[in-house]
Amino acid sequence: MSEDVIGKEDVNSKKTSWEAFVKQDVLNFMMAHNLQAITVDDGAGKKGVIKRTSKGDFSVQITSNEIL
């Protein structure tokens, strides 16, 4: 039973780290290179899309597919 709890915590920490990666590292890369939009995909169902709006703000979308 303790293995299930550890497994669930690992999934949550990976989800948080993916969101942090998109919102920090990818956003910083996009701003440094003056890009209008960027899409990242981890190959396992998680995607991140960042777009610059007409007002100069950034729109961030993070999606994931989970197999139950």
C-alpha atoms as a PDB file:
ATOM      1  CA  MET A   1       0.000   0.000   0.000  1.00  0.00           C
ATOM      2  CA  SER A   2       2.854   2.419   0.711  1.00  0.00           C
ATOM      3  CA  GLU A   3       4.073   1.873  -2.867  1.00  0.00           C
ATOM      4  CA  ASP A   4       0.758   3.227  -4.215  1.00  0.00           C
ATOM      5  CA  VAL A   5       1.083   6.380  -2.121  1.00  0.00           C
ATOM      6  CA  ILE A   6       4.668   6.913  -3.276  1.00  0.00           C
ATOM      7  CA  GLY A   7       3.631   6.367  -6.889  1.00  0.00           C
ATOM      8  CA  LYS A   8       0.856   8.951  -6.622  1.00  0.00           C
ATOM      9  CA  GLU A   9       3.202  11.489  -5.036  1.00  0.00           C
ATOM     10  CA  ASP A  10       5.699  10.992  -7.878  1.00  0.00           C
ATOM     11  CA  VAL A  11       2.971  11.646 -10.449  1.00  0.00           C
ATOM     12  CA  ASN A  12       1.929  14.853  -8.659  1.00  0.00           C
ATOM     13  CA  SER A  13       5.520  16.084  -8.397  1.00  0.00           C
ATOM     14  CA  LYS A  14       6.079  15.380 -12.113  1.00  0.00           C
ATOM     15  CA  LYS A  15       2.891  17.271 -12.966  1.00  0.00           C
ATOM     16  CA  THR A  16       4.041  20.237 -10.903  1.00  0.00           C
ATOM     17  CA  SER A  17       7.497  20.133 -12.429  1.00  0.00           C
ATOM     18  CA  TRP A  18       6.033  20.010 -15.978  1.00  0.00           C
ATOM     19  CA  GLU A  19       3.875  23.052 -15.226  1.00  0.00           C
ATOM     20  CA  ALA A  20       6.847  24.843 -13.683  1.00  0.00           C
ATOM     21  CA  PHE A  21       9.002  23.962 -16.702  1.00  0.00           C
ATOM     22  CA  VAL A  22       6.430  25.421 -19.113  1.00  0.00           C
ATOM     23  CA  LYS A  23       5.715  28.532 -17.060  1.00  0.00           C
ATOM     24  CA  GLN A  24       9.365  29.288 -16.260  1.00  0.00           C
ATOM     25  CA  ASP A  25      11.939  27.764 -18.601  1.00  0.00           C
ATOM     26  CA  VAL A  26       9.858  27.729 -21.784  1.00  0.00           C
ATOM     27  CA  LEU A  27       8.441  31.198 -21.131  1.00  0.00           C
ATOM     28  CA  ASN A  28      11.944  32.578 -20.462  1.00  0.00           C
ATOM     29  CA  PHE A  29      13.207  30.993 -23.710  1.00  0.00           C
ATOM     30  CA  MET A  30      10.287  32.475 -25.633  1.00  0.00           C
ATOM     31  CA  MET A  31      10.892  35.950 -24.222  1.00  0.00           C
ATOM     32  CA  ALA A  32      14.671  35.769 -24.772  1.00  0.00           C
ATOM     33  CA  HIS A  33      14.169  34.939 -28.448  1.00  0.00           C
ATOM     34  CA  ASN A  34      11.209  37.307 -28.964  1.00  0.00           C
ATOM     35  CA  LEU A  35       8.879  34.549 -30.202  1.00  0.00           C
ATOM     36  CA  GLN A  36       5.141  34.973 -30.708  1.00  0.00           C
ATOM     37  CA  ALA A  37       4.145  31.401 -29.842  1.00  0.00           C
ATOM     38  CA  ILE A  38       5.751  28.155 -28.758  1.00  0.00           C
ATOM     39  CA  THR A  39       4.476  24.605 -28.267  1.00  0.00           C
ATOM     40  CA  VAL A  40       6.212  21.909 -26.219  1.00  0.00           C
ATOM     41  CA  ASP A  41       5.305  18.229 -26.021  1.00  0.00           C
ATOM     42  CA  ASP A  42       6.877  15.629 -23.724  1.00  0.00           C
ATOM     43  CA  GLY A  43       5.855  12.716 -25.954  1.00  0.00           C
ATOM     44  CA  ALA A  44       3.837  11.134 -23.156  1.00  0.00           C
ATOM     45  CA  GLY A  45       0.647  13.172 -23.511  1.00  0.00           C
ATOM     46  CA  LYS A  46       1.610  16.426 -21.826  1.00  0.00           C
ATOM     47  CA  LYS A  47       1.621  19.584 -23.922  1.00  0.00           C
ATOM     48  CA  GLY A  48       2.229  23.237 -23.236  1.00  0.00           C
ATOM     49  CA  VAL A  49       1.333  26.153 -25.498  1.00  0.00           C
ATOM     50  CA  ILE A  50       2.363  29.737 -24.827  1.00  0.00           C
ATOM     51  CA  LYS A  51       1.152  32.574 -27.054  1.00  0.00           C
ATOM     52  CA  ARG A  52       1.724  36.311 -26.894  1.00  0.00           C
ATOM     53  CA  THR A  53      -1.608  38.185 -26.938  1.00  0.00           C
ATOM     54  CA  SER A  54      -2.274  41.394 -28.861  1.00  0.00           C
ATOM     55  CA  LYS A  55      -1.916  43.308 -25.564  1.00  0.00           C
ATOM     56  CA  GLY A  56       1.588  41.871 -25.015  1.00  0.00           C
ATOM     57  CA  ASP A  57       0.504  39.451 -22.266  1.00  0.00           C
ATOM     58  CA  PHE A  58       1.189  35.716 -22.399  1.00  0.00           C
ATOM     59  CA  SER A  59      -1.481  33.034 -22.626  1.00  0.00           C
ATOM     60  CA  VAL A  60      -0.408  29.646 -21.218  1.00  0.00           C
ATOM     61  CA  GLN A  61      -2.281  26.386 -21.861  1.00  0.00           C
ATOM     62  CA  ILE A  62      -1.166  23.123 -20.303  1.00  0.00           C
ATOM     63  CA  THR A  63      -2.886  19.859 -21.209  1.00  0.00           C
ATOM     64  CA  SER A  64      -2.313  16.234 -20.305  1.00  0.00           C
ATOM     65  CA  ASN A  65      -3.745  12.850 -21.193  1.00  0.00           C
ATOM     66  CA  GLU A  66      -4.074  10.322 -18.417  1.00  0.00           C
ATOM     67  CA  ILE A  67      -4.684   6.615 -18.805  1.00  0.00           C
ATOM     68  CA  LEU A  68      -6.972   5.253 -16.101  1.00  0.00           C
END
